Amino acid sequence: MNEKVFQVNLQDNVAVALTALEAGSTVPLIGDTEQKEITAVTDIPVGHKIALRDISDGEDIVKYGVVIGHAIKNIPKGSWVHLEEMASNYDERSSHLDAVTGAPKDMSYK
């Protein structure tokens, strides 16, 4: 099993998928963590965030031991945390980007 998830800081409530994860897969959690493994409840692309616990609407998203954004809906443990679930504290424009492609959704191209 080569699939892994990396938690950067013990205070984080999200970690990074080091490989693409399929919903239902239970994978090792490495890094600064007290959990040994986590089960993905949604498909999660490589390099994207996975919720380490249930995160409530409005709650801070913590990565690197710092607040990087806040939840804009309830996020279940094991879910993909992306731009449809959170808003960045650093880049207001990111909330207008497609979570998969990164293409702007707030303008049309002709």
PDB file of N, CA and C in Angstrom:
ATOM      1  N   MET A   1       0.852  -1.186   0.000  1.00  0.00           N
ATOM      2  CA  MET A   1       0.000   0.000   0.000  1.00  0.00           C
ATOM      3  C   MET A   1       0.892   1.242   0.000  1.00  0.00           C
ATOM      4  N   ASN A   2       0.891   1.982  -1.103  1.00  0.00           N
ATOM      5  CA  ASN A   2       1.708   3.182  -1.236  1.00  0.00           C
ATOM      6  C   ASN A   2       0.946   4.448  -0.880  1.00  0.00           C
ATOM      7  N   GLU A   3      -0.364   4.346  -0.702  1.00  0.00           N
ATOM      8  CA  GLU A   3      -1.157   5.530  -0.400  1.00  0.00           C
ATOM      9  C   GLU A   3      -0.813   6.029   0.999  1.00  0.00           C
ATOM     10  N   LYS A   4      -0.679   7.362   1.099  1.00  0.00           N
ATOM     11  CA  LYS A   4      -0.379   7.975   2.392  1.00  0.00           C
ATOM     12  C   LYS A   4      -0.982   9.362   2.445  1.00  0.00           C
ATOM     13  N   VAL A   5      -1.185   9.811   3.677  1.00  0.00           N
ATOM     14  CA  VAL A   5      -1.658  11.162   3.940  1.00  0.00           C
ATOM     15  C   VAL A   5      -0.684  11.784   4.930  1.00  0.00           C
ATOM     16  N   PHE A   6      -0.314  13.054   4.708  1.00  0.00           N
ATOM     17  CA  PHE A   6       0.685  13.730   5.533  1.00  0.00           C
ATOM     18  C   PHE A   6       0.071  14.888   6.303  1.00  0.00           C
ATOM     19  N   GLN A   7       0.215  14.839   7.625  1.00  0.00           N
ATOM     20  CA  GLN A   7      -0.210  15.944   8.489  1.00  0.00           C
ATOM     21  C   GLN A   7       1.023  16.767   8.821  1.00  0.00           C
ATOM     22  N   VAL A   8       1.001  18.050   8.503  1.00  0.00           N
ATOM     23  CA  VAL A   8       2.163  18.913   8.677  1.00  0.00           C
ATOM     24  C   VAL A   8       2.400  19.262  10.146  1.00  0.00           C
ATOM     25  N   ASN A   9       1.333  19.617  10.865  1.00  0.00           N
ATOM     26  CA  ASN A   9       1.456  20.091  12.242  1.00  0.00           C
ATOM     27  C   ASN A   9       0.379  19.433  13.089  1.00  0.00           C
ATOM     28  N   LEU A  10       0.698  19.124  14.328  1.00  0.00           N
ATOM     29  CA  LEU A  10      -0.231  18.448  15.227  1.00  0.00           C
ATOM     30  C   LEU A  10      -1.534  19.230  15.415  1.00  0.00           C
ATOM     31  N   GLN A  11      -1.504  20.551  15.260  1.00  0.00           N
ATOM     32  CA  GLN A  11      -2.696  21.381  15.430  1.00  0.00           C
ATOM     33  C   GLN A  11      -3.602  21.387  14.203  1.00  0.00           C
ATOM     34  N   ASP A  12      -3.142  20.842  13.079  1.00  0.00           N
ATOM     35  CA  ASP A  12      -3.901  20.879  11.830  1.00  0.00           C
ATOM     36  C   ASP A  12      -5.182  20.051  11.917  1.00  0.00           C
ATOM     37  N   ASN A  13      -6.243  20.524  11.248  1.00  0.00           N
ATOM     38  CA  ASN A  13      -7.469  19.723  11.125  1.00  0.00           C
ATOM     39  C   ASN A  13      -7.654  19.218   9.700  1.00  0.00           C
ATOM     40  N   VAL A  14      -6.634  19.450   8.853  1.00  0.00           N
ATOM     41  CA  VAL A  14      -6.580  18.879   7.509  1.00  0.00           C
ATOM     42  C   VAL A  14      -5.173  18.324   7.285  1.00  0.00           C
ATOM     43  N   ALA A  15      -5.072  17.363   6.366  1.00  0.00           N
ATOM     44  CA  ALA A  15      -3.782  16.810   5.966  1.00  0.00           C
ATOM     45  C   ALA A  15      -3.752  16.755   4.451  1.00  0.00           C
ATOM     46  N   VAL A  16      -2.609  16.372   3.882  1.00  0.00           N
ATOM     47  CA  VAL A  16      -2.421  16.366   2.437  1.00  0.00           C
ATOM     48  C   VAL A  16      -2.331  14.936   1.921  1.00  0.00           C
ATOM     49  N   ALA A  17      -3.113  14.632   0.893  1.00  0.00           N
ATOM     50  CA  ALA A  17      -3.047  13.325   0.243  1.00  0.00           C
ATOM     51  C   ALA A  17      -1.776  13.282  -0.612  1.00  0.00           C
ATOM     52  N   LEU A  18      -0.872  12.360  -0.308  1.00  0.00           N
ATOM     53  CA  LEU A  18       0.370  12.236  -1.066  1.00  0.00           C
ATOM     54  C   LEU A  18       0.174  11.415  -2.330  1.00  0.00           C
ATOM     55  N   THR A  19      -0.962  10.736  -2.417  1.00  0.00           N
ATOM     56  CA  THR A  19      -1.384  10.011  -3.611  1.00  0.00           C
ATOM     57  C   THR A  19      -2.878  10.235  -3.755  1.00  0.00           C
ATOM     58  N   ALA A  20      -3.416   9.958  -4.912  1.00  0.00           N
ATOM     59  CA  ALA A  20      -4.870  10.038  -5.086  1.00  0.00           C
ATOM     60  C   ALA A  20      -5.520   8.975  -4.194  1.00  0.00           C
ATOM     61  N   LEU A  21      -6.604   9.340  -3.529  1.00  0.00           N
ATOM     62  CA  LEU A  21      -7.312   8.418  -2.631  1.00  0.00           C
ATOM     63  C   LEU A  21      -8.702   8.138  -3.169  1.00  0.00           C
ATOM     64  N   GLU A  22      -9.108   6.899  -3.093  1.00  0.00           N
ATOM     65  CA  GLU A  22     -10.463   6.516  -3.480  1.00  0.00           C
ATOM     66  C   GLU A  22     -11.344   6.486  -2.234  1.00  0.00           C
ATOM     67  N   ALA A  23     -12.596   6.886  -2.397  1.00  0.00           N
ATOM     68  CA  ALA A  23     -13.551   6.820  -1.286  1.00  0.00           C
ATOM     69  C   ALA A  23     -13.576   5.400  -0.734  1.00  0.00           C
ATOM     70  N   GLY A  24     -13.542   5.298   0.582  1.00  0.00           N
ATOM     71  CA  GLY A  24     -13.577   4.000   1.249  1.00  0.00           C
ATOM     72  C   GLY A  24     -12.209   3.446   1.586  1.00  0.00           C
ATOM     73  N   SER A  25     -11.138   4.044   1.043  1.00  0.00           N
ATOM     74  CA  SER A  25      -9.797   3.535   1.344  1.00  0.00           C
ATOM     75  C   SER A  25      -9.314   4.064   2.689  1.00  0.00           C
ATOM     76  N   THR A  26      -8.712   3.171   3.470  1.00  0.00           N
ATOM     77  CA  THR A  26      -8.100   3.539   4.740  1.00  0.00           C
ATOM     78  C   THR A  26      -6.597   3.548   4.522  1.00  0.00           C
ATOM     79  N   VAL A  27      -5.964   4.681   4.830  1.00  0.00           N
ATOM     80  CA  VAL A  27      -4.547   4.865   4.520  1.00  0.00           C
ATOM     81  C   VAL A  27      -3.777   5.349   5.743  1.00  0.00           C
ATOM     82  N   PRO A  28      -2.449   5.077   5.769  1.00  0.00           N
ATOM     83  CA  PRO A  28      -1.626   5.553   6.876  1.00  0.00           C
ATOM     84  C   PRO A  28      -1.558   7.072   6.908  1.00  0.00           C
ATOM     85  N   LEU A  29      -1.517   7.619   8.104  1.00  0.00           N
ATOM     86  CA  LEU A  29      -1.355   9.053   8.313  1.00  0.00           C
ATOM     87  C   LEU A  29       0.031   9.240   8.907  1.00  0.00           C
ATOM     88  N   ILE A  30       0.881  10.013   8.216  1.00  0.00           N
ATOM     89  CA  ILE A  30       2.255  10.225   8.669  1.00  0.00           C
ATOM     90  C   ILE A  30       2.466  11.709   8.965  1.00  0.00           C
ATOM     91  N   GLY A  31       3.618  12.023   9.551  1.00  0.00           N
ATOM     92  CA  GLY A  31       3.943  13.401   9.874  1.00  0.00           C
ATOM     93  C   GLY A  31       3.731  13.675  11.347  1.00  0.00           C
ATOM     94  N   ASP A  32       3.392  14.911  11.672  1.00  0.00           N
ATOM     95  CA  ASP A  32       3.164  15.337  13.049  1.00  0.00           C
ATOM     96  C   ASP A  32       1.720  15.009  13.405  1.00  0.00           C
ATOM     97  N   THR A  33       1.478  13.777  13.841  1.00  0.00           N
ATOM     98  CA  THR A  33       0.117  13.301  14.039  1.00  0.00           C
ATOM     99  C   THR A  33       0.026  12.334  15.209  1.00  0.00           C
ATOM    100  N   GLU A  34      -1.145  12.222  15.768  1.00  0.00           N
ATOM    101  CA  GLU A  34      -1.417  11.218  16.794  1.00  0.00           C
ATOM    102  C   GLU A  34      -2.280  10.094  16.225  1.00  0.00           C
ATOM    103  N   GLN A  35      -2.889  10.319  15.035  1.00  0.00           N
ATOM    104  CA  GLN A  35      -3.691   9.293  14.378  1.00  0.00           C
ATOM    105  C   GLN A  35      -2.774   8.399  13.551  1.00  0.00           C
ATOM    106  N   LYS A  36      -3.097   7.136  13.495  1.00  0.00           N
ATOM    107  CA  LYS A  36      -2.291   6.198  12.704  1.00  0.00           C
ATOM    108  C   LYS A  36      -2.792   6.071  11.270  1.00  0.00           C
ATOM    109  N   GLU A  37      -4.100   6.283  11.071  1.00  0.00           N
ATOM    110  CA  GLU A  37      -4.684   6.134   9.742  1.00  0.00           C
ATOM    111  C   GLU A  37      -5.960   6.956   9.637  1.00  0.00           C
ATOM    112  N   ILE A  38      -6.417   7.091   8.405  1.00  0.00           N
ATOM    113  CA  ILE A  38      -7.671   7.801   8.151  1.00  0.00           C
ATOM    114  C   ILE A  38      -8.359   7.142   6.958  1.00  0.00           C
ATOM    115  N   THR A  39      -9.684   7.171   6.978  1.00  0.00           N
ATOM    116  CA  THR A  39     -10.467   6.622   5.876  1.00  0.00           C
ATOM    117  C   THR A  39     -11.045   7.763   5.057  1.00  0.00           C
ATOM    118  N   ALA A  40     -10.767   7.746   3.761  1.00  0.00           N
ATOM    119  CA  ALA A  40     -11.322   8.744   2.848  1.00  0.00           C
ATOM    120  C   ALA A  40     -12.791   8.401   2.608  1.00  0.00           C
ATOM    121  N   VAL A  41     -13.678   9.371   2.766  1.00  0.00           N
ATOM    122  CA  VAL A  41     -15.105   9.140   2.503  1.00  0.00           C
ATOM    123  C   VAL A  41     -15.516   9.678   1.136  1.00  0.00           C
ATOM    124  N   THR A  42     -14.602  10.410   0.498  1.00  0.00           N
ATOM    125  CA  THR A  42     -14.790  10.892  -0.872  1.00  0.00           C
ATOM    126  C   THR A  42     -13.484  10.634  -1.617  1.00  0.00           C
ATOM    127  N   ASP A  43     -13.525  10.634  -2.936  1.00  0.00           N
ATOM    128  CA  ASP A  43     -12.288  10.597  -3.715  1.00  0.00           C
ATOM    129  C   ASP A  43     -11.528  11.890  -3.445  1.00  0.00           C
ATOM    130  N   ILE A  44     -10.202  11.789  -3.305  1.00  0.00           N
ATOM    131  CA  ILE A  44      -9.378  12.960  -3.019  1.00  0.00           C
ATOM    132  C   ILE A  44      -8.178  12.951  -3.967  1.00  0.00           C
ATOM    133  N   PRO A  45      -8.039  13.986  -4.783  1.00  0.00           N
ATOM    134  CA  PRO A  45      -6.900  14.050  -5.711  1.00  0.00           C
ATOM    135  C   PRO A  45      -5.569  14.214  -4.966  1.00  0.00           C
ATOM    136  N   VAL A  46      -4.506  13.733  -5.587  1.00  0.00           N
ATOM    137  CA  VAL A  46      -3.174  13.887  -5.011  1.00  0.00           C
ATOM    138  C   VAL A  46      -2.889  15.374  -4.760  1.00  0.00           C
ATOM    139  N   GLY A  47      -2.290  15.667  -3.613  1.00  0.00           N
ATOM    140  CA  GLY A  47      -1.919  17.032  -3.270  1.00  0.00           C
ATOM    141  C   GLY A  47      -3.021  17.852  -2.638  1.00  0.00           C
ATOM    142  N   HIS A  48      -4.214  17.282  -2.524  1.00  0.00           N
ATOM    143  CA  HIS A  48      -5.338  18.024  -1.947  1.00  0.00           C
ATOM    144  C   HIS A  48      -5.537  17.680  -0.476  1.00  0.00           C
ATOM    145  N   LYS A  49      -6.358  18.483   0.178  1.00  0.00           N
ATOM    146  CA  LYS A  49      -6.580  18.347   1.618  1.00  0.00           C
ATOM    147  C   LYS A  49      -7.688  17.338   1.941  1.00  0.00           C
ATOM    148  N   ILE A  50      -7.497  16.621   3.065  1.00  0.00           N
ATOM    149  CA  ILE A  50      -8.498  15.723   3.619  1.00  0.00           C
ATOM    150  C   ILE A  50      -8.776  16.175   5.054  1.00  0.00           C
ATOM    151  N   ALA A  51     -10.052  16.186   5.433  1.00  0.00           N
ATOM    152  CA  ALA A  51     -10.433  16.591   6.792  1.00  0.00           C
ATOM    153  C   ALA A  51     -10.045  15.490   7.776  1.00  0.00           C
ATOM    154  N   LEU A  52      -9.314  15.865   8.819  1.00  0.00           N
ATOM    155  CA  LEU A  52      -8.879  14.907   9.836  1.00  0.00           C
ATOM    156  C   LEU A  52      -9.940  14.653  10.902  1.00  0.00           C
ATOM    157  N   ARG A  53     -10.941  15.507  10.932  1.00  0.00           N
ATOM    158  CA  ARG A  53     -12.070  15.369  11.865  1.00  0.00           C
ATOM    159  C   ARG A  53     -13.232  16.137  11.264  1.00  0.00           C
ATOM    160  N   ASP A  54     -14.414  15.997  11.838  1.00  0.00           N
ATOM    161  CA  ASP A  54     -15.545  16.805  11.390  1.00  0.00           C
ATOM    162  C   ASP A  54     -15.218  18.279  11.620  1.00  0.00           C
ATOM    163  N   ILE A  55     -15.480  19.097  10.616  1.00  0.00           N
ATOM    164  CA  ILE A  55     -15.235  20.541  10.704  1.00  0.00           C
ATOM    165  C   ILE A  55     -16.572  21.232  10.454  1.00  0.00           C
ATOM    166  N   SER A  56     -16.987  22.071  11.382  1.00  0.00           N
ATOM    167  CA  SER A  56     -18.289  22.739  11.299  1.00  0.00           C
ATOM    168  C   SER A  56     -18.246  23.980  10.419  1.00  0.00           C
ATOM    169  N   ASP A  57     -19.384  24.292   9.812  1.00  0.00           N
ATOM    170  CA  ASP A  57     -19.554  25.505   9.026  1.00  0.00           C
ATOM    171  C   ASP A  57     -19.072  26.699   9.848  1.00  0.00           C
ATOM    172  N   GLY A  58     -18.181  27.501   9.279  1.00  0.00           N
ATOM    173  CA  GLY A  58     -17.652  28.688   9.952  1.00  0.00           C
ATOM    174  C   GLY A  58     -16.376  28.434  10.740  1.00  0.00           C
ATOM    175  N   GLU A  59     -16.046  27.175  10.971  1.00  0.00           N
ATOM    176  CA  GLU A  59     -14.848  26.834  11.749  1.00  0.00           C
ATOM    177  C   GLU A  59     -13.587  27.069  10.923  1.00  0.00           C
ATOM    178  N   ASP A  60     -12.499  27.412  11.612  1.00  0.00           N
ATOM    179  CA  ASP A  60     -11.218  27.626  10.950  1.00  0.00           C
ATOM    180  C   ASP A  60     -10.696  26.333  10.327  1.00  0.00           C
ATOM    181  N   ILE A  61     -10.036  26.472   9.172  1.00  0.00           N
ATOM    182  CA  ILE A  61      -9.289  25.385   8.548  1.00  0.00           C
ATOM    183  C   ILE A  61      -7.826  25.643   8.905  1.00  0.00           C
ATOM    184  N   VAL A  62      -7.188  24.670   9.563  1.00  0.00           N
ATOM    185  CA  VAL A  62      -5.824  24.841  10.057  1.00  0.00           C
ATOM    186  C   VAL A  62      -4.893  23.881   9.316  1.00  0.00           C
ATOM    187  N   LYS A  63      -3.850  24.460   8.696  1.00  0.00           N
ATOM    188  CA  LYS A  63      -2.813  23.693   7.999  1.00  0.00           C
ATOM    189  C   LYS A  63      -1.496  24.403   8.283  1.00  0.00           C
ATOM    190  N   TYR A  64      -0.418  23.672   8.433  1.00  0.00           N
ATOM    191  CA  TYR A  64       0.893  24.225   8.807  1.00  0.00           C
ATOM    192  C   TYR A  64       0.861  24.827  10.215  1.00  0.00           C
ATOM    193  N   GLY A  65      -0.164  24.491  11.007  1.00  0.00           N
ATOM    194  CA  GLY A  65      -0.299  25.064  12.339  1.00  0.00           C
ATOM    195  C   GLY A  65      -0.873  26.467  12.341  1.00  0.00           C
ATOM    196  N   VAL A  66      -1.329  26.958  11.168  1.00  0.00           N
ATOM    197  CA  VAL A  66      -1.926  28.291  11.069  1.00  0.00           C
ATOM    198  C   VAL A  66      -3.285  28.203  10.378  1.00  0.00           C
ATOM    199  N   VAL A  67      -4.114  29.178  10.635  1.00  0.00           N
ATOM    200  CA  VAL A  67      -5.433  29.236  10.003  1.00  0.00           C
ATOM    201  C   VAL A  67      -5.247  29.695   8.560  1.00  0.00           C
ATOM    202  N   ILE A  68      -5.692  28.846   7.604  1.00  0.00           N
ATOM    203  CA  ILE A  68      -5.567  29.206   6.187  1.00  0.00           C
ATOM    204  C   ILE A  68      -6.905  29.611   5.576  1.00  0.00           C
ATOM    205  N   GLY A  69      -7.991  29.361   6.292  1.00  0.00           N
ATOM    206  CA  GLY A  69      -9.314  29.685   5.774  1.00  0.00           C
ATOM    207  C   GLY A  69     -10.374  29.263   6.767  1.00  0.00           C
ATOM    208  N   HIS A  70     -11.623  29.206   6.283  1.00  0.00           N
ATOM    209  CA  HIS A  70     -12.712  28.776   7.146  1.00  0.00           C
ATOM    210  C   HIS A  70     -13.719  27.978   6.315  1.00  0.00           C
ATOM    211  N   ALA A  71     -14.379  27.056   7.002  1.00  0.00           N
ATOM    212  CA  ALA A  71     -15.370  26.207   6.335  1.00  0.00           C
ATOM    213  C   ALA A  71     -16.592  27.042   5.975  1.00  0.00           C
ATOM    214  N   ILE A  72     -17.145  26.792   4.788  1.00  0.00           N
ATOM    215  CA  ILE A  72     -18.370  27.485   4.383  1.00  0.00           C
ATOM    216  C   ILE A  72     -19.556  26.518   4.385  1.00  0.00           C
ATOM    217  N   LYS A  73     -19.303  25.294   4.850  1.00  0.00           N
ATOM    218  CA  LYS A  73     -20.344  24.288   5.086  1.00  0.00           C
ATOM    219  C   LYS A  73     -19.737  23.242   6.009  1.00  0.00           C
ATOM    220  N   ASN A  74     -20.556  22.370   6.545  1.00  0.00           N
ATOM    221  CA  ASN A  74     -20.040  21.289   7.380  1.00  0.00           C
ATOM    222  C   ASN A  74     -19.210  20.340   6.512  1.00  0.00           C
ATOM    223  N   ILE A  75     -18.048  19.930   7.030  1.00  0.00           N
ATOM    224  CA  ILE A  75     -17.146  19.039   6.297  1.00  0.00           C
ATOM    225  C   ILE A  75     -16.933  17.787   7.144  1.00  0.00           C
ATOM    226  N   PRO A  76     -17.420  16.644   6.687  1.00  0.00           N
ATOM    227  CA  PRO A  76     -17.230  15.411   7.457  1.00  0.00           C
ATOM    228  C   PRO A  76     -15.777  14.932   7.445  1.00  0.00           C
ATOM    229  N   LYS A  77     -15.374  14.271   8.507  1.00  0.00           N
ATOM    230  CA  LYS A  77     -14.043  13.663   8.604  1.00  0.00           C
ATOM    231  C   LYS A  77     -13.830  12.745   7.397  1.00  0.00           C
ATOM    232  N   GLY A  78     -12.653  12.830   6.789  1.00  0.00           N
ATOM    233  CA  GLY A  78     -12.317  11.981   5.656  1.00  0.00           C
ATOM    234  C   GLY A  78     -12.717  12.557   4.309  1.00  0.00           C
ATOM    235  N   SER A  79     -13.319  13.744   4.304  1.00  0.00           N
ATOM    236  CA  SER A  79     -13.772  14.372   3.055  1.00  0.00           C
ATOM    237  C   SER A  79     -12.672  15.213   2.419  1.00  0.00           C
ATOM    238  N   TRP A  80     -12.807  15.381   1.102  1.00  0.00           N
ATOM    239  CA  TRP A  80     -11.954  16.293   0.348  1.00  0.00           C
ATOM    240  C   TRP A  80     -12.314  17.713   0.768  1.00  0.00           C
ATOM    241  N   VAL A  81     -11.320  18.484   1.171  1.00  0.00           N
ATOM    242  CA  VAL A  81     -11.519  19.884   1.562  1.00  0.00           C
ATOM    243  C   VAL A  81     -11.003  20.739   0.411  1.00  0.00           C
ATOM    244  N   HIS A  82     -11.931  21.386  -0.300  1.00  0.00           N
ATOM    245  CA  HIS A  82     -11.557  22.192  -1.459  1.00  0.00           C
ATOM    246  C   HIS A  82     -12.379  23.467  -1.483  1.00  0.00           C
ATOM    247  N   LEU A  83     -12.322  24.185  -2.582  1.00  0.00           N
ATOM    248  CA  LEU A  83     -12.889  25.533  -2.654  1.00  0.00           C
ATOM    249  C   LEU A  83     -14.409  25.594  -2.552  1.00  0.00           C
ATOM    250  N   GLU A  84     -15.097  24.461  -2.653  1.00  0.00           N
ATOM    251  CA  GLU A  84     -16.551  24.475  -2.464  1.00  0.00           C
ATOM    252  C   GLU A  84     -16.924  24.228  -1.015  1.00  0.00           C
ATOM    253  N   GLU A  85     -15.948  23.883  -0.179  1.00  0.00           N
ATOM    254  CA  GLU A  85     -16.165  23.652   1.248  1.00  0.00           C
ATOM    255  C   GLU A  85     -15.526  24.710   2.133  1.00  0.00           C
ATOM    256  N   MET A  86     -14.576  25.467   1.577  1.00  0.00           N
ATOM    257  CA  MET A  86     -13.852  26.441   2.391  1.00  0.00           C
ATOM    258  C   MET A  86     -13.586  27.718   1.608  1.00  0.00           C
ATOM    259  N   ALA A  87     -13.337  28.782   2.344  1.00  0.00           N
ATOM    260  CA  ALA A  87     -12.912  30.050   1.759  1.00  0.00           C
ATOM    261  C   ALA A  87     -11.536  30.366   2.321  1.00  0.00           C
ATOM    262  N   SER A  88     -10.646  30.804   1.454  1.00  0.00           N
ATOM    263  CA  SER A  88      -9.280  31.130   1.859  1.00  0.00           C
ATOM    264  C   SER A  88      -9.245  32.450   2.629  1.00  0.00           C
ATOM    265  N   ASN A  89      -8.401  32.515   3.642  1.00  0.00           N
ATOM    266  CA  ASN A  89      -8.175  33.773   4.349  1.00  0.00           C
ATOM    267  C   ASN A  89      -7.160  34.638   3.620  1.00  0.00           C
ATOM    268  N   TYR A  90      -6.478  34.068   2.618  1.00  0.00           N
ATOM    269  CA  TYR A  90      -5.395  34.762   1.958  1.00  0.00           C
ATOM    270  C   TYR A  90      -5.723  35.194   0.534  1.00  0.00           C
ATOM    271  N   ASP A  91      -6.673  34.526  -0.091  1.00  0.00           N
ATOM    272  CA  ASP A  91      -6.953  34.781  -1.493  1.00  0.00           C
ATOM    273  C   ASP A  91      -8.456  34.755  -1.733  1.00  0.00           C
ATOM    274  N   GLU A  92      -9.105  35.909  -1.646  1.00  0.00           N
ATOM    275  CA  GLU A  92     -10.561  35.990  -1.835  1.00  0.00           C
ATOM    276  C   GLU A  92     -10.962  35.439  -3.194  1.00  0.00           C
ATOM    277  N   ARG A  93     -10.151  35.642  -4.183  1.00  0.00           N
ATOM    278  CA  ARG A  93     -10.468  35.201  -5.545  1.00  0.00           C
ATOM    279  C   ARG A  93     -10.576  33.680  -5.639  1.00  0.00           C
ATOM    280  N   SER A  94      -9.858  32.941  -4.772  1.00  0.00           N
ATOM    281  CA  SER A  94      -9.870  31.483  -4.870  1.00  0.00           C
ATOM    282  C   SER A  94     -11.263  30.902  -4.701  1.00  0.00           C
ATOM    283  N   SER A  95     -12.151  31.617  -4.031  1.00  0.00           N
ATOM    284  CA  SER A  95     -13.508  31.095  -3.848  1.00  0.00           C
ATOM    285  C   SER A  95     -14.306  31.133  -5.155  1.00  0.00           C
ATOM    286  N   HIS A  96     -13.751  31.759  -6.192  1.00  0.00           N
ATOM    287  CA  HIS A  96     -14.410  31.823  -7.494  1.00  0.00           C
ATOM    288  C   HIS A  96     -13.782  30.883  -8.520  1.00  0.00           C
ATOM    289  N   LEU A  97     -12.889  29.984  -8.056  1.00  0.00           N
ATOM    290  CA  LEU A  97     -12.206  29.074  -8.961  1.00  0.00           C
ATOM    291  C   LEU A  97     -12.807  27.675  -8.876  1.00  0.00           C
ATOM    292  N   ASP A  98     -12.783  26.964  -9.994  1.00  0.00           N
ATOM    293  CA  ASP A  98     -13.227  25.575 -10.020  1.00  0.00           C
ATOM    294  C   ASP A  98     -12.267  24.743  -9.171  1.00  0.00           C
ATOM    295  N   ALA A  99     -12.798  23.898  -8.304  1.00  0.00           N
ATOM    296  CA  ALA A  99     -11.981  23.134  -7.364  1.00  0.00           C
ATOM    297  C   ALA A  99     -11.028  22.167  -8.049  1.00  0.00           C
ATOM    298  N   VAL A 100     -11.382  21.669  -9.209  1.00  0.00           N
ATOM    299  CA  VAL A 100     -10.547  20.687  -9.902  1.00  0.00           C
ATOM    300  C   VAL A 100      -9.615  21.338 -10.910  1.00  0.00           C
ATOM    301  N   THR A 101     -10.147  22.201 -11.767  1.00  0.00           N
ATOM    302  CA  THR A 101      -9.343  22.770 -12.853  1.00  0.00           C
ATOM    303  C   THR A 101      -8.646  24.074 -12.480  1.00  0.00           C
ATOM    304  N   GLY A 102      -9.172  24.780 -11.491  1.00  0.00           N
ATOM    305  CA  GLY A 102      -8.615  26.087 -11.124  1.00  0.00           C
ATOM    306  C   GLY A 102      -9.093  27.209 -12.030  1.00  0.00           C
ATOM    307  N   ALA A 103      -9.992  26.905 -12.970  1.00  0.00           N
ATOM    308  CA  ALA A 103     -10.512  27.920 -13.893  1.00  0.00           C
ATOM    309  C   ALA A 103     -11.486  28.857 -13.165  1.00  0.00           C
ATOM    310  N   PRO A 104     -11.446  30.140 -13.470  1.00  0.00           N
ATOM    311  CA  PRO A 104     -12.375  31.088 -12.852  1.00  0.00           C
ATOM    312  C   PRO A 104     -13.824  30.743 -13.206  1.00  0.00           C
ATOM    313  N   LYS A 105     -14.715  30.814 -12.216  1.00  0.00           N
ATOM    314  CA  LYS A 105     -16.135  30.572 -12.442  1.00  0.00           C
ATOM    315  C   LYS A 105     -16.923  31.870 -12.447  1.00  0.00           C
ATOM    316  N   ASP A 106     -16.270  32.996 -12.163  1.00  0.00           N
ATOM    317  CA  ASP A 106     -16.976  34.268 -12.045  1.00  0.00           C
ATOM    318  C   ASP A 106     -16.855  35.129 -13.301  1.00  0.00           C
ATOM    319  N   MET A 107     -16.369  34.541 -14.388  1.00  0.00           N
ATOM    320  CA  MET A 107     -16.292  35.281 -15.645  1.00  0.00           C
ATOM    321  C   MET A 107     -16.493  34.303 -16.798  1.00  0.00           C
ATOM    322  N   SER A 108     -16.987  34.822 -17.899  1.00  0.00           N
ATOM    323  CA  SER A 108     -17.207  33.952 -19.046  1.00  0.00           C
ATOM    324  C   SER A 108     -16.163  34.248 -20.107  1.00  0.00           C
ATOM    325  N   TYR A 109     -15.822  33.216 -20.840  1.00  0.00           N
ATOM    326  CA  TYR A 109     -14.868  33.347 -21.935  1.00  0.00           C
ATOM    327  C   TYR A 109     -15.599  33.128 -23.241  1.00  0.00           C
ATOM    328  N   LYS A 110     -15.331  33.967 -24.212  1.00  0.00           N
ATOM    329  CA  LYS A 110     -16.004  33.856 -25.516  1.00  0.00           C
ATOM    330  C   LYS A 110     -14.995  33.624 -26.599  1.00  0.00           C
TER     331      LYS A 110
END
